[in-house]
């Protein structure tokens, strides 16, 4: 195993690619640019050489995610050169054998500026190979990697706290003590999301809202924070009716 010093005095965030060949390392809102590491060089380190990595030419990174339907497509949210606007840039990663070992190939394939009217997103997920889901406050917004605005949902009354995304659905949790379930319709050129279910938690007298949500495709589990400082798990399941 490897031990690498990347961002001194800054907490680092790590994201592993869907093909488990890459690790994206970043620290939020820092002048230190994010790095991409080749996984094999981390798992099988050389005594004489540092792990194979490359720095992306961006700064003030805030969020990132991988496209689940691509082996190594990375979407990164960051500030532009003057630090005034938020940009989402998409990269394709590859590896090439050389005399010295492995060279990392990085190709930028798309980039767009987020609308100035949009609050800085605090959650970011990818769907398929082309769709980016962003959460700003209580709003869920969908874009393509080229910046085409696909949809926006304002179903929650309070800030969204977490988001689960898979091939079939999107689930959001919120401090309004509810979960929202959306389903994908993939008949069009780009997947279309539609709102389907509104799941309620317990009493506002005892709970302060949902803080996290996950799903296994058959059931949903939400973490409900209690007013006394503890949390409970509240579960729901999908019941399939057959004719």
C-alpha atoms as a PDB file:
ATOM      1  CA  UNK A   1       0.000   0.000   0.000  1.00  0.00           C
ATOM      2  CA  UNK A   2       1.024   3.631  -0.492  1.00  0.00           C
ATOM      3  CA  UNK A   3       1.235   6.721   1.648  1.00  0.00           C
ATOM      4  CA  UNK A   4       1.149   9.950  -0.370  1.00  0.00           C
ATOM      5  CA  UNK A   5       1.277  13.535   0.882  1.00  0.00           C
ATOM      6  CA  UNK A   6      -0.928  15.608  -1.427  1.00  0.00           C
ATOM      7  CA  UNK A   7      -2.495  18.633   0.248  1.00  0.00           C
ATOM      8  CA  UNK A   8      -0.596  19.650   3.412  1.00  0.00           C
ATOM      9  CA  UNK A   9      -2.914  20.988   6.128  1.00  0.00           C
ATOM     10  CA  UNK A  10      -5.974  20.444   3.919  1.00  0.00           C
ATOM     11  CA  UNK A  11      -8.465  17.545   4.191  1.00  0.00           C
ATOM     12  CA  UNK A  12      -8.541  15.469   1.011  1.00  0.00           C
ATOM     13  CA  UNK A  13     -11.509  13.909  -0.768  1.00  0.00           C
ATOM     14  CA  UNK A  14     -11.018  10.672  -2.749  1.00  0.00           C
ATOM     15  CA  UNK A  15     -13.203   9.249  -5.531  1.00  0.00           C
ATOM     16  CA  UNK A  16     -12.544   5.888  -7.191  1.00  0.00           C
ATOM     17  CA  UNK A  17     -13.507   5.426 -10.851  1.00  0.00           C
ATOM     18  CA  UNK A  18     -16.126   2.829 -11.912  1.00  0.00           C
ATOM     19  CA  UNK A  19     -13.406   0.610 -13.424  1.00  0.00           C
ATOM     20  CA  UNK A  20     -11.305   0.878 -10.222  1.00  0.00           C
ATOM     21  CA  UNK A  21      -8.290   2.030 -12.239  1.00  0.00           C
ATOM     22  CA  UNK A  22      -8.224   5.668 -11.107  1.00  0.00           C
ATOM     23  CA  UNK A  23      -8.427   7.713  -7.926  1.00  0.00           C
ATOM     24  CA  UNK A  24      -9.371  11.391  -8.027  1.00  0.00           C
ATOM     25  CA  UNK A  25      -7.965  13.375  -5.105  1.00  0.00           C
ATOM     26  CA  UNK A  26      -8.968  16.947  -4.307  1.00  0.00           C
ATOM     27  CA  UNK A  27      -9.382  19.469  -1.531  1.00  0.00           C
ATOM     28  CA  UNK A  28     -12.195  21.991  -1.582  1.00  0.00           C
ATOM     29  CA  UNK A  29     -11.741  25.659  -2.483  1.00  0.00           C
ATOM     30  CA  UNK A  30      -7.953  25.537  -2.495  1.00  0.00           C
ATOM     31  CA  UNK A  31      -5.364  26.883  -4.911  1.00  0.00           C
ATOM     32  CA  UNK A  32      -3.901  23.366  -4.905  1.00  0.00           C
ATOM     33  CA  UNK A  33      -5.113  21.651  -8.062  1.00  0.00           C
ATOM     34  CA  UNK A  34      -6.721  18.188  -7.937  1.00  0.00           C
ATOM     35  CA  UNK A  35      -4.764  15.085  -8.916  1.00  0.00           C
ATOM     36  CA  UNK A  36      -5.575  11.791 -10.589  1.00  0.00           C
ATOM     37  CA  UNK A  37      -3.654   8.663  -9.518  1.00  0.00           C
ATOM     38  CA  UNK A  38      -3.274   5.393 -11.394  1.00  0.00           C
ATOM     39  CA  UNK A  39      -4.644   2.787  -8.991  1.00  0.00           C
ATOM     40  CA  UNK A  40      -2.114   0.061  -9.755  1.00  0.00           C
ATOM     41  CA  UNK A  41       0.792   2.330  -8.795  1.00  0.00           C
ATOM     42  CA  UNK A  42      -0.911   2.924  -5.437  1.00  0.00           C
ATOM     43  CA  UNK A  43      -1.578  -0.759  -4.768  1.00  0.00           C
ATOM     44  CA  UNK A  44       1.839  -1.931  -5.974  1.00  0.00           C
ATOM     45  CA  UNK A  45       4.179   0.962  -5.160  1.00  0.00           C
ATOM     46  CA  UNK A  46       7.784   1.102  -6.281  1.00  0.00           C
ATOM     47  CA  UNK A  47      10.440   1.864  -3.699  1.00  0.00           C
ATOM     48  CA  UNK A  48      12.253   4.182  -6.096  1.00  0.00           C
ATOM     49  CA  UNK A  49       9.328   6.013  -7.704  1.00  0.00           C
ATOM     50  CA  UNK A  50       6.297   7.959  -6.543  1.00  0.00           C
ATOM     51  CA  UNK A  51       2.826   6.703  -7.540  1.00  0.00           C
ATOM     52  CA  UNK A  52       1.842   7.587 -11.101  1.00  0.00           C
ATOM     53  CA  UNK A  53      -0.296  10.726 -11.068  1.00  0.00           C
ATOM     54  CA  UNK A  54      -1.103  13.896 -12.946  1.00  0.00           C
ATOM     55  CA  UNK A  55      -2.507  17.254 -11.871  1.00  0.00           C
ATOM     56  CA  UNK A  56      -5.576  18.634 -13.617  1.00  0.00           C
ATOM     57  CA  UNK A  57      -5.217  22.232 -14.899  1.00  0.00           C
ATOM     58  CA  UNK A  58      -7.954  23.633 -12.651  1.00  0.00           C
ATOM     59  CA  UNK A  59      -8.128  25.236  -9.226  1.00  0.00           C
ATOM     60  CA  UNK A  60     -10.692  25.985  -6.515  1.00  0.00           C
ATOM     61  CA  UNK A  61     -12.365  22.606  -6.975  1.00  0.00           C
ATOM     62  CA  UNK A  62     -15.640  22.196  -5.099  1.00  0.00           C
ATOM     63  CA  UNK A  63     -17.288  18.940  -6.260  1.00  0.00           C
ATOM     64  CA  UNK A  64     -16.617  15.984  -8.572  1.00  0.00           C
ATOM     65  CA  UNK A  65     -18.155  12.690  -9.698  1.00  0.00           C
ATOM     66  CA  UNK A  66     -17.594   9.886 -12.189  1.00  0.00           C
ATOM     67  CA  UNK A  67     -19.930   8.989 -15.058  1.00  0.00           C
ATOM     68  CA  UNK A  68     -21.174   5.505 -14.042  1.00  0.00           C
ATOM     69  CA  UNK A  69     -21.558   4.212 -17.617  1.00  0.00           C
ATOM     70  CA  UNK A  70     -17.993   5.100 -18.601  1.00  0.00           C
ATOM     71  CA  UNK A  71     -14.823   3.472 -17.324  1.00  0.00           C
ATOM     72  CA  UNK A  72     -12.991   6.725 -16.660  1.00  0.00           C
ATOM     73  CA  UNK A  73     -15.081   9.826 -17.377  1.00  0.00           C
ATOM     74  CA  UNK A  74     -14.646  12.447 -14.665  1.00  0.00           C
ATOM     75  CA  UNK A  75     -16.812  15.542 -14.106  1.00  0.00           C
ATOM     76  CA  UNK A  76     -15.346  18.293 -11.919  1.00  0.00           C
ATOM     77  CA  UNK A  77     -16.956  21.483 -10.623  1.00  0.00           C
ATOM     78  CA  UNK A  78     -14.487  24.317 -10.122  1.00  0.00           C
ATOM     79  CA  UNK A  79     -14.009  28.067 -10.425  1.00  0.00           C
ATOM     80  CA  UNK A  80     -12.871  29.660 -13.678  1.00  0.00           C
ATOM     81  CA  UNK A  81      -9.531  31.432 -14.028  1.00  0.00           C
ATOM     82  CA  UNK A  82     -10.717  34.670 -12.414  1.00  0.00           C
ATOM     83  CA  UNK A  83     -12.540  32.795  -9.654  1.00  0.00           C
ATOM     84  CA  UNK A  84     -15.865  34.474 -10.411  1.00  0.00           C
ATOM     85  CA  UNK A  85     -17.874  31.704 -12.091  1.00  0.00           C
ATOM     86  CA  UNK A  86     -18.519  28.035 -11.417  1.00  0.00           C
ATOM     87  CA  UNK A  87     -17.593  25.696 -14.244  1.00  0.00           C
ATOM     88  CA  UNK A  88     -18.232  21.978 -14.800  1.00  0.00           C
ATOM     89  CA  UNK A  89     -15.492  20.337 -16.868  1.00  0.00           C
ATOM     90  CA  UNK A  90     -15.548  16.740 -18.112  1.00  0.00           C
ATOM     91  CA  UNK A  91     -12.403  14.693 -18.720  1.00  0.00           C
ATOM     92  CA  UNK A  92     -11.659  11.283 -20.219  1.00  0.00           C
ATOM     93  CA  UNK A  93      -8.713   9.466 -18.647  1.00  0.00           C
ATOM     94  CA  UNK A  94      -6.458   6.854 -20.164  1.00  0.00           C
ATOM     95  CA  UNK A  95      -3.116   5.145 -19.584  1.00  0.00           C
ATOM     96  CA  UNK A  96      -0.293   4.580 -22.054  1.00  0.00           C
ATOM     97  CA  UNK A  97       2.705   2.338 -21.558  1.00  0.00           C
ATOM     98  CA  UNK A  98       6.059   4.019 -21.992  1.00  0.00           C
ATOM     99  CA  UNK A  99       9.715   3.259 -21.340  1.00  0.00           C
ATOM    100  CA  UNK A 100       9.405   4.786 -17.908  1.00  0.00           C
ATOM    101  CA  UNK A 101       6.256   2.869 -16.989  1.00  0.00           C
ATOM    102  CA  UNK A 102       2.794   4.385 -17.390  1.00  0.00           C
ATOM    103  CA  UNK A 103       1.817   7.820 -18.679  1.00  0.00           C
ATOM    104  CA  UNK A 104      -1.594   9.254 -17.806  1.00  0.00           C
ATOM    105  CA  UNK A 105      -3.562  10.718 -20.706  1.00  0.00           C
ATOM    106  CA  UNK A 106      -6.154  13.384 -19.884  1.00  0.00           C
ATOM    107  CA  UNK A 107      -8.539  14.714 -22.536  1.00  0.00           C
ATOM    108  CA  UNK A 108     -11.069  17.469 -21.861  1.00  0.00           C
ATOM    109  CA  UNK A 109     -14.251  16.601 -23.754  1.00  0.00           C
ATOM    110  CA  UNK A 110     -16.735  19.183 -22.437  1.00  0.00           C
ATOM    111  CA  UNK A 111     -17.069  22.249 -20.250  1.00  0.00           C
ATOM    112  CA  UNK A 112     -19.815  24.718 -19.372  1.00  0.00           C
ATOM    113  CA  UNK A 113     -20.464  27.600 -16.981  1.00  0.00           C
ATOM    114  CA  UNK A 114     -23.244  27.252 -14.420  1.00  0.00           C
ATOM    115  CA  UNK A 115     -25.910  30.000 -14.497  1.00  0.00           C
ATOM    116  CA  UNK A 116     -25.111  33.001 -12.301  1.00  0.00           C
ATOM    117  CA  UNK A 117     -28.613  32.736 -10.828  1.00  0.00           C
ATOM    118  CA  UNK A 118     -27.875  29.267  -9.454  1.00  0.00           C
ATOM    119  CA  UNK A 119     -26.695  28.889  -5.879  1.00  0.00           C
ATOM    120  CA  UNK A 120     -23.361  27.024  -5.605  1.00  0.00           C
ATOM    121  CA  UNK A 121     -24.316  23.317  -5.633  1.00  0.00           C
ATOM    122  CA  UNK A 122     -23.442  21.259  -2.568  1.00  0.00           C
ATOM    123  CA  UNK A 123     -24.202  17.830  -4.086  1.00  0.00           C
ATOM    124  CA  UNK A 124     -23.140  16.401  -7.451  1.00  0.00           C
ATOM    125  CA  UNK A 125     -23.780  13.012  -9.087  1.00  0.00           C
ATOM    126  CA  UNK A 126     -23.475  11.518 -12.554  1.00  0.00           C
ATOM    127  CA  UNK A 127     -25.949   9.378 -14.498  1.00  0.00           C
ATOM    128  CA  UNK A 128     -25.252   7.286 -17.614  1.00  0.00           C
ATOM    129  CA  UNK A 129     -22.452   8.951 -19.590  1.00  0.00           C
ATOM    130  CA  UNK A 130     -23.955  12.361 -20.324  1.00  0.00           C
ATOM    131  CA  UNK A 131     -26.067  13.602 -17.402  1.00  0.00           C
ATOM    132  CA  UNK A 132     -25.005  15.578 -14.330  1.00  0.00           C
ATOM    133  CA  UNK A 133     -27.293  16.040 -11.311  1.00  0.00           C
ATOM    134  CA  UNK A 134     -26.678  19.039  -9.059  1.00  0.00           C
ATOM    135  CA  UNK A 135     -28.350  20.050  -5.810  1.00  0.00           C
ATOM    136  CA  UNK A 136     -28.512  23.696  -4.750  1.00  0.00           C
ATOM    137  CA  UNK A 137     -30.358  24.274  -1.506  1.00  0.00           C
ATOM    138  CA  UNK A 138     -33.740  22.599  -1.971  1.00  0.00           C
ATOM    139  CA  UNK A 139     -33.527  22.399  -5.775  1.00  0.00           C
ATOM    140  CA  UNK A 140     -32.464  19.434  -7.940  1.00  0.00           C
ATOM    141  CA  UNK A 141     -31.138  20.446 -11.375  1.00  0.00           C
ATOM    142  CA  UNK A 142     -30.080  18.288 -14.341  1.00  0.00           C
ATOM    143  CA  UNK A 143     -27.636  19.225 -17.105  1.00  0.00           C
ATOM    144  CA  UNK A 144     -25.838  17.387 -19.868  1.00  0.00           C
ATOM    145  CA  UNK A 145     -22.046  17.480 -19.766  1.00  0.00           C
ATOM    146  CA  UNK A 146     -22.230  20.169 -22.477  1.00  0.00           C
ATOM    147  CA  UNK A 147     -24.461  22.431 -20.385  1.00  0.00           C
ATOM    148  CA  UNK A 148     -27.898  21.685 -21.834  1.00  0.00           C
ATOM    149  CA  UNK A 149     -30.452  22.283 -19.056  1.00  0.00           C
ATOM    150  CA  UNK A 150     -32.662  19.184 -18.866  1.00  0.00           C
ATOM    151  CA  UNK A 151     -34.877  19.708 -15.818  1.00  0.00           C
ATOM    152  CA  UNK A 152     -35.251  21.336 -12.411  1.00  0.00           C
ATOM    153  CA  UNK A 153     -37.271  20.109  -9.430  1.00  0.00           C
ATOM    154  CA  UNK A 154     -38.266  22.192  -6.401  1.00  0.00           C
ATOM    155  CA  UNK A 155     -40.273  19.576  -4.522  1.00  0.00           C
ATOM    156  CA  UNK A 156     -38.594  19.937  -1.124  1.00  0.00           C
ATOM    157  CA  UNK A 157     -39.484  22.715   1.314  1.00  0.00           C
ATOM    158  CA  UNK A 158     -36.073  22.700   3.023  1.00  0.00           C
ATOM    159  CA  UNK A 159     -32.485  21.987   1.897  1.00  0.00           C
ATOM    160  CA  UNK A 160     -31.719  18.618   0.332  1.00  0.00           C
ATOM    161  CA  UNK A 161     -29.212  16.710   2.462  1.00  0.00           C
ATOM    162  CA  UNK A 162     -28.269  13.729   0.278  1.00  0.00           C
ATOM    163  CA  UNK A 163     -28.966  12.161  -3.102  1.00  0.00           C
ATOM    164  CA  UNK A 164     -28.987   8.556  -4.289  1.00  0.00           C
ATOM    165  CA  UNK A 165     -28.655   7.912  -8.032  1.00  0.00           C
ATOM    166  CA  UNK A 166     -28.779   4.574  -9.851  1.00  0.00           C
ATOM    167  CA  UNK A 167     -29.860   3.288 -13.268  1.00  0.00           C
ATOM    168  CA  UNK A 168     -33.569   3.276 -12.373  1.00  0.00           C
ATOM    169  CA  UNK A 169     -34.219   6.132  -9.982  1.00  0.00           C
ATOM    170  CA  UNK A 170     -33.058   9.169  -8.045  1.00  0.00           C
ATOM    171  CA  UNK A 171     -33.884   9.614  -4.353  1.00  0.00           C
ATOM    172  CA  UNK A 172     -33.377  12.806  -2.372  1.00  0.00           C
ATOM    173  CA  UNK A 173     -33.583  13.386   1.379  1.00  0.00           C
ATOM    174  CA  UNK A 174     -34.243  16.697   3.070  1.00  0.00           C
ATOM    175  CA  UNK A 175     -34.500  18.555   6.341  1.00  0.00           C
ATOM    176  CA  UNK A 176     -38.236  18.871   5.558  1.00  0.00           C
ATOM    177  CA  UNK A 177     -38.459  15.277   6.855  1.00  0.00           C
ATOM    178  CA  UNK A 178     -39.343  13.748   3.505  1.00  0.00           C
ATOM    179  CA  UNK A 179     -37.840  11.662   0.723  1.00  0.00           C
ATOM    180  CA  UNK A 180     -38.570  12.251  -2.946  1.00  0.00           C
ATOM    181  CA  UNK A 181     -38.343   9.398  -5.443  1.00  0.00           C
ATOM    182  CA  UNK A 182     -37.847  10.112  -9.154  1.00  0.00           C
ATOM    183  CA  UNK A 183     -37.786   7.583 -12.000  1.00  0.00           C
ATOM    184  CA  UNK A 184     -35.767   7.624 -15.215  1.00  0.00           C
ATOM    185  CA  UNK A 185     -37.437   7.443 -18.623  1.00  0.00           C
ATOM    186  CA  UNK A 186     -34.791   6.502 -21.189  1.00  0.00           C
ATOM    187  CA  UNK A 187     -36.900   6.576 -24.357  1.00  0.00           C
ATOM    188  CA  UNK A 188     -35.512   9.953 -25.449  1.00  0.00           C
ATOM    189  CA  UNK A 189     -32.023  11.023 -26.567  1.00  0.00           C
ATOM    190  CA  UNK A 190     -31.221  12.045 -23.003  1.00  0.00           C
ATOM    191  CA  UNK A 191     -32.748  10.334 -19.940  1.00  0.00           C
ATOM    192  CA  UNK A 192     -35.814  12.157 -18.603  1.00  0.00           C
ATOM    193  CA  UNK A 193     -36.502  12.253 -14.868  1.00  0.00           C
ATOM    194  CA  UNK A 194     -40.041  12.360 -13.480  1.00  0.00           C
ATOM    195  CA  UNK A 195     -41.244  12.759  -9.919  1.00  0.00           C
ATOM    196  CA  UNK A 196     -43.093   9.679  -8.636  1.00  0.00           C
ATOM    197  CA  UNK A 197     -43.270   9.323  -4.843  1.00  0.00           C
ATOM    198  CA  UNK A 198     -43.283  11.546  -1.773  1.00  0.00           C
ATOM    199  CA  UNK A 199     -42.277   9.578   1.344  1.00  0.00           C
ATOM    200  CA  UNK A 200     -42.815  11.128   4.753  1.00  0.00           C
ATOM    201  CA  UNK A 201     -40.758  10.575   7.882  1.00  0.00           C
ATOM    202  CA  UNK A 202     -41.859  10.868  11.497  1.00  0.00           C
ATOM    203  CA  UNK A 203     -43.114  13.817  13.493  1.00  0.00           C
ATOM    204  CA  UNK A 204     -41.449  17.232  13.260  1.00  0.00           C
ATOM    205  CA  UNK A 205     -41.854  17.371  17.020  1.00  0.00           C
ATOM    206  CA  UNK A 206     -39.254  14.628  17.483  1.00  0.00           C
ATOM    207  CA  UNK A 207     -37.197  14.766  14.284  1.00  0.00           C
ATOM    208  CA  UNK A 208     -35.172  17.474  12.562  1.00  0.00           C
ATOM    209  CA  UNK A 209     -35.137  15.858   9.119  1.00  0.00           C
ATOM    210  CA  UNK A 210     -33.517  13.191   6.961  1.00  0.00           C
ATOM    211  CA  UNK A 211     -29.737  13.479   6.708  1.00  0.00           C
ATOM    212  CA  UNK A 212     -28.921  10.582   4.366  1.00  0.00           C
ATOM    213  CA  UNK A 213     -30.617   8.123   2.017  1.00  0.00           C
ATOM    214  CA  UNK A 214     -29.551   4.945   0.215  1.00  0.00           C
ATOM    215  CA  UNK A 215     -31.282   2.243  -1.818  1.00  0.00           C
ATOM    216  CA  UNK A 216     -30.579  -1.281  -3.060  1.00  0.00           C
ATOM    217  CA  UNK A 217     -33.229  -1.206  -5.777  1.00  0.00           C
ATOM    218  CA  UNK A 218     -35.807  -3.071  -3.685  1.00  0.00           C
ATOM    219  CA  UNK A 219     -35.905  -0.859  -0.608  1.00  0.00           C
ATOM    220  CA  UNK A 220     -34.991   2.615   0.642  1.00  0.00           C
ATOM    221  CA  UNK A 221     -33.328   3.462   3.945  1.00  0.00           C
ATOM    222  CA  UNK A 222     -33.213   7.002   5.294  1.00  0.00           C
ATOM    223  CA  UNK A 223     -31.315   8.310   8.309  1.00  0.00           C
ATOM    224  CA  UNK A 224     -33.712  10.421  10.363  1.00  0.00           C
ATOM    225  CA  UNK A 225     -32.048  12.807  12.797  1.00  0.00           C
ATOM    226  CA  UNK A 226     -33.832  13.193  16.125  1.00  0.00           C
ATOM    227  CA  UNK A 227     -34.121  16.442  18.040  1.00  0.00           C
ATOM    228  CA  UNK A 228     -32.323  14.950  21.057  1.00  0.00           C
ATOM    229  CA  UNK A 229     -29.142  14.330  19.045  1.00  0.00           C
ATOM    230  CA  UNK A 230     -29.657  10.685  18.087  1.00  0.00           C
ATOM    231  CA  UNK A 231     -30.718   9.144  14.766  1.00  0.00           C
ATOM    232  CA  UNK A 232     -32.944   6.300  13.617  1.00  0.00           C
ATOM    233  CA  UNK A 233     -33.172   4.347  10.368  1.00  0.00           C
ATOM    234  CA  UNK A 234     -36.501   4.544   8.579  1.00  0.00           C
ATOM    235  CA  UNK A 235     -36.997   1.982   5.799  1.00  0.00           C
ATOM    236  CA  UNK A 236     -39.412   1.670   2.889  1.00  0.00           C
ATOM    237  CA  UNK A 237     -39.735  -1.055   0.285  1.00  0.00           C
ATOM    238  CA  UNK A 238     -41.089  -1.291  -3.241  1.00  0.00           C
ATOM    239  CA  UNK A 239     -44.060  -3.620  -3.582  1.00  0.00           C
ATOM    240  CA  UNK A 240     -44.501  -4.980  -7.100  1.00  0.00           C
ATOM    241  CA  UNK A 241     -48.092  -5.745  -8.031  1.00  0.00           C
ATOM    242  CA  UNK A 242     -48.626  -8.506 -10.568  1.00  0.00           C
ATOM    243  CA  UNK A 243     -51.738  -8.987 -12.669  1.00  0.00           C
END
